C-alpha atoms as a PDB file:
ATOM      1  CA  MET A   1       0.000   0.000   0.000  1.00  0.00           C
ATOM      2  CA  ALA A   2       2.966   2.318   0.535  1.00  0.00           C
ATOM      3  CA  GLU A   3       3.812   1.823  -3.122  1.00  0.00           C
ATOM      4  CA  ASP A   4       0.214   2.722  -3.991  1.00  0.00           C
ATOM      5  CA  VAL A   5       0.636   5.999  -2.092  1.00  0.00           C
ATOM      6  CA  LEU A   6       3.828   6.645  -4.015  1.00  0.00           C
ATOM      7  CA  GLY A   7       1.980   5.954  -7.279  1.00  0.00           C
ATOM      8  CA  ILE A   8      -0.708   8.479  -6.364  1.00  0.00           C
ATOM      9  CA  MET A   9       1.935  11.046  -5.473  1.00  0.00           C
ATOM     10  CA  ASP A  10       3.611  10.444  -8.836  1.00  0.00           C
ATOM     11  CA  ALA A  11       0.311  10.708 -10.725  1.00  0.00           C
ATOM     12  CA  LEU A  12      -0.384  14.017  -8.982  1.00  0.00           C
ATOM     13  CA  GLU A  13       3.209  15.167  -9.550  1.00  0.00           C
ATOM     14  CA  ILE A  14       3.865  15.540  -5.809  1.00  0.00           C
ATOM     15  CA  SER A  15       7.588  15.166  -5.229  1.00  0.00           C
ATOM     16  CA  GLN A  16       7.439  15.494  -1.417  1.00  0.00           C
ATOM     17  CA  ALA A  17       4.608  15.532   1.086  1.00  0.00           C
ATOM     18  CA  HIS A  18       3.843  15.976   4.740  1.00  0.00           C
ATOM     19  CA  VAL A  19       2.394  12.572   5.639  1.00  0.00           C
ATOM     20  CA  ASN A  20      -0.088  11.883   8.423  1.00  0.00           C
ATOM     21  CA  GLY A  21      -0.908   8.237   9.115  1.00  0.00           C
ATOM     22  CA  VAL A  22      -3.645   7.023  11.468  1.00  0.00           C
ATOM     23  CA  SER A  23      -3.999   3.397  12.546  1.00  0.00           C
ATOM     24  CA  MET A  24      -3.200   1.147   9.567  1.00  0.00           C
ATOM     25  CA  GLY A  25      -2.472   4.332   7.605  1.00  0.00           C
ATOM     26  CA  GLY A  26       0.315   4.994  10.089  1.00  0.00           C
ATOM     27  CA  ALA A  27       1.847   1.602   9.365  1.00  0.00           C
ATOM     28  CA  ILE A  28       1.637   2.368   5.645  1.00  0.00           C
ATOM     29  CA  ALA A  29       3.144   5.817   6.201  1.00  0.00           C
ATOM     30  CA  GLN A  30       6.059   4.263   8.086  1.00  0.00           C
ATOM     31  CA  HIS A  31       6.775   1.956   5.151  1.00  0.00           C
ATOM     32  CA  LEU A  32       6.573   4.898   2.765  1.00  0.00           C
ATOM     33  CA  ALA A  33       9.020   6.927   4.865  1.00  0.00           C
ATOM     34  CA  ALA A  34      11.412   3.992   5.307  1.00  0.00           C
ATOM     35  CA  ARG A  35      11.442   3.041   1.622  1.00  0.00           C
ATOM     36  CA  HIS A  36      11.306   6.549   0.149  1.00  0.00           C
ATOM     37  CA  PRO A  37      12.594   9.026   2.765  1.00  0.00           C
ATOM     38  CA  HIS A  38      13.292  11.680   0.130  1.00  0.00           C
ATOM     39  CA  ARG A  39       9.538  11.780  -0.675  1.00  0.00           C
ATOM     40  CA  VAL A  40       8.395  12.399   2.923  1.00  0.00           C
ATOM     41  CA  ARG A  41       8.910  15.948   4.166  1.00  0.00           C
ATOM     42  CA  SER A  42       7.486  15.185   7.623  1.00  0.00           C
ATOM     43  CA  LEU A  43       5.732  12.259   9.257  1.00  0.00           C
ATOM     44  CA  VAL A  44       2.944  12.350  11.849  1.00  0.00           C
ATOM     45  CA  LEU A  45       1.832   9.004  13.295  1.00  0.00           C
ATOM     46  CA  THR A  46      -1.352   8.619  15.330  1.00  0.00           C
ATOM     47  CA  SER A  47      -2.758   5.496  16.996  1.00  0.00           C
ATOM     48  CA  THR A  48      -0.584   3.216  14.930  1.00  0.00           C
ATOM     49  CA  PHE A  49       1.941   0.420  15.207  1.00  0.00           C
ATOM     50  CA  ALA A  50       5.318  -0.569  13.811  1.00  0.00           C
ATOM     51  CA  SER A  51       4.598  -4.288  13.798  1.00  0.00           C
ATOM     52  CA  VAL A  52       1.857  -6.711  14.780  1.00  0.00           C
ATOM     53  CA  SER A  53       1.843 -10.141  16.373  1.00  0.00           C
ATOM     54  CA  ASN A  54       1.172 -13.202  14.251  1.00  0.00           C
ATOM     55  CA  SER A  55      -2.155 -13.732  16.016  1.00  0.00           C
ATOM     56  CA  PHE A  56      -3.286 -10.163  15.268  1.00  0.00           C
ATOM     57  CA  ARG A  57      -2.166 -10.485  11.646  1.00  0.00           C
ATOM     58  CA  ARG A  58      -4.135 -13.727  11.276  1.00  0.00           C
ATOM     59  CA  ALA A  59      -7.209 -12.134  12.878  1.00  0.00           C
ATOM     60  CA  ILE A  60      -7.008  -9.182  10.466  1.00  0.00           C
ATOM     61  CA  GLU A  61      -6.659 -11.589   7.531  1.00  0.00           C
ATOM     62  CA  ALA A  62      -9.691 -13.568   8.713  1.00  0.00           C
ATOM     63  CA  LEU A  63     -11.715 -10.368   9.049  1.00  0.00           C
ATOM     64  CA  ARG A  64     -10.584  -9.192   5.609  1.00  0.00           C
ATOM     65  CA  ASP A  65     -11.451 -12.530   4.020  1.00  0.00           C
ATOM     66  CA  SER A  66     -14.932 -12.646   5.565  1.00  0.00           C
ATOM     67  CA  VAL A  67     -15.992  -8.997   5.199  1.00  0.00           C
ATOM     68  CA  GLU A  68     -18.411  -9.743   2.364  1.00  0.00           C
ATOM     69  CA  GLN A  69     -20.133 -12.493   4.381  1.00  0.00           C
ATOM     70  CA  LEU A  70     -20.607 -10.468   7.579  1.00  0.00           C
ATOM     71  CA  ASP A  71     -23.315  -7.948   8.310  1.00  0.00           C
ATOM     72  CA  LYS A  72     -22.007  -4.500   9.215  1.00  0.00           C
ATOM     73  CA  THR A  73     -22.740  -4.826  12.948  1.00  0.00           C
ATOM     74  CA  THR A  74     -20.884  -8.135  13.265  1.00  0.00           C
ATOM     75  CA  PHE A  75     -17.964  -6.742  11.283  1.00  0.00           C
ATOM     76  CA  LYS A  76     -17.714  -3.697  13.578  1.00  0.00           C
ATOM     77  CA  HIS A  77     -17.930  -5.837  16.732  1.00  0.00           C
ATOM     78  CA  LEU A  78     -15.152  -8.133  15.546  1.00  0.00           C
ATOM     79  CA  ASN A  79     -13.068  -5.137  14.528  1.00  0.00           C
ATOM     80  CA  GLN A  80     -13.443  -3.576  17.992  1.00  0.00           C
ATOM     81  CA  TRP A  81     -12.686  -6.901  19.686  1.00  0.00           C
ATOM     82  CA  MET A  82      -9.436  -7.173  17.724  1.00  0.00           C
ATOM     83  CA  THR A  83      -8.467  -3.508  17.957  1.00  0.00           C
ATOM     84  CA  PHE A  84      -9.011  -2.666  21.614  1.00  0.00           C
ATOM     85  CA  SER A  85      -7.401  -4.410  24.572  1.00  0.00           C
ATOM     86  CA  GLN A  86      -9.502  -6.376  27.015  1.00  0.00           C
ATOM     87  CA  SER A  87      -8.836  -3.683  29.618  1.00  0.00           C
ATOM     88  CA  ILE A  88     -10.279  -0.966  27.364  1.00  0.00           C
ATOM     89  CA  GLN A  89     -13.249  -3.164  26.491  1.00  0.00           C
ATOM     90  CA  ASN A  90     -13.945  -3.732  30.192  1.00  0.00           C
ATOM     91  CA  THR A  91     -13.540  -0.121  31.351  1.00  0.00           C
ATOM     92  CA  CYS A  92     -14.597   2.056  28.387  1.00  0.00           C
ATOM     93  CA  GLU A  93     -17.792   0.458  27.178  1.00  0.00           C
ATOM     94  CA  ASP A  94     -19.479   3.825  26.561  1.00  0.00           C
ATOM     95  CA  MET A  95     -16.618   4.923  24.327  1.00  0.00           C
ATOM     96  CA  LEU A  96     -16.916   1.704  22.318  1.00  0.00           C
ATOM     97  CA  TRP A  97     -20.695   2.141  21.916  1.00  0.00           C
ATOM     98  CA  LYS A  98     -20.132   5.730  20.785  1.00  0.00           C
ATOM     99  CA  ALA A  99     -17.519   4.596  18.251  1.00  0.00           C
ATOM    100  CA  GLU A 100     -19.869   1.897  17.005  1.00  0.00           C
ATOM    101  CA  ARG A 101     -22.698   4.401  16.511  1.00  0.00           C
ATOM    102  CA  GLN A 102     -20.304   6.743  14.692  1.00  0.00           C
ATOM    103  CA  ASP A 103     -19.058   3.903  12.479  1.00  0.00           C
ATOM    104  CA  ALA A 104     -22.660   3.017  11.605  1.00  0.00           C
ATOM    105  CA  LEU A 105     -22.954   6.365   9.814  1.00  0.00           C
ATOM    106  CA  TYR A 106     -20.494   5.152   7.168  1.00  0.00           C
ATOM    107  CA  PRO A 107     -21.682   2.454   4.765  1.00  0.00           C
ATOM    108  CA  THR A 108     -19.581  -0.680   4.420  1.00  0.00           C
ATOM    109  CA  HIS A 109     -19.834  -2.499   1.095  1.00  0.00           C
ATOM    110  CA  GLY A 110     -23.457  -1.446   0.650  1.00  0.00           C
ATOM    111  CA  GLN A 111     -24.710  -2.681   4.020  1.00  0.00           C
ATOM    112  CA  HIS A 112     -26.520  -0.264   6.328  1.00  0.00           C
ATOM    113  CA  ALA A 113     -27.327  -2.325   9.419  1.00  0.00           C
ATOM    114  CA  SER A 114     -26.576  -0.655  12.720  1.00  0.00           C
ATOM    115  CA  ARG A 115     -27.059  -1.443  16.373  1.00  0.00           C
ATOM    116  CA  SER A 116     -28.455   1.162  18.722  1.00  0.00           C
ATOM    117  CA  ARG A 117     -28.228   1.261  22.462  1.00  0.00           C
END
């Protein structure tokens, strides 16, 4: 995906850019900066990671491979379960419900199911 970003920059004739990566975008931004440092003027990373465990990678792959078979609510629940630690899930339930309601505003592959509380 970092190479895709580079391709977009090339197509738009952007020789250097200030890059801001959030979550998986931050991981992609890190790869872009590491592989093409002369193209990245500055780098801002938010809520991201430099590497993931094998179990997390496999969970993400399973989610990716089943996205078309899952309804939107199930997809969002599994995503939250994989993204947030057990401690956060146990202590910040209101924040998770709020995030889920916010996520429901954005369609995912044509599905519009949402869960209200």
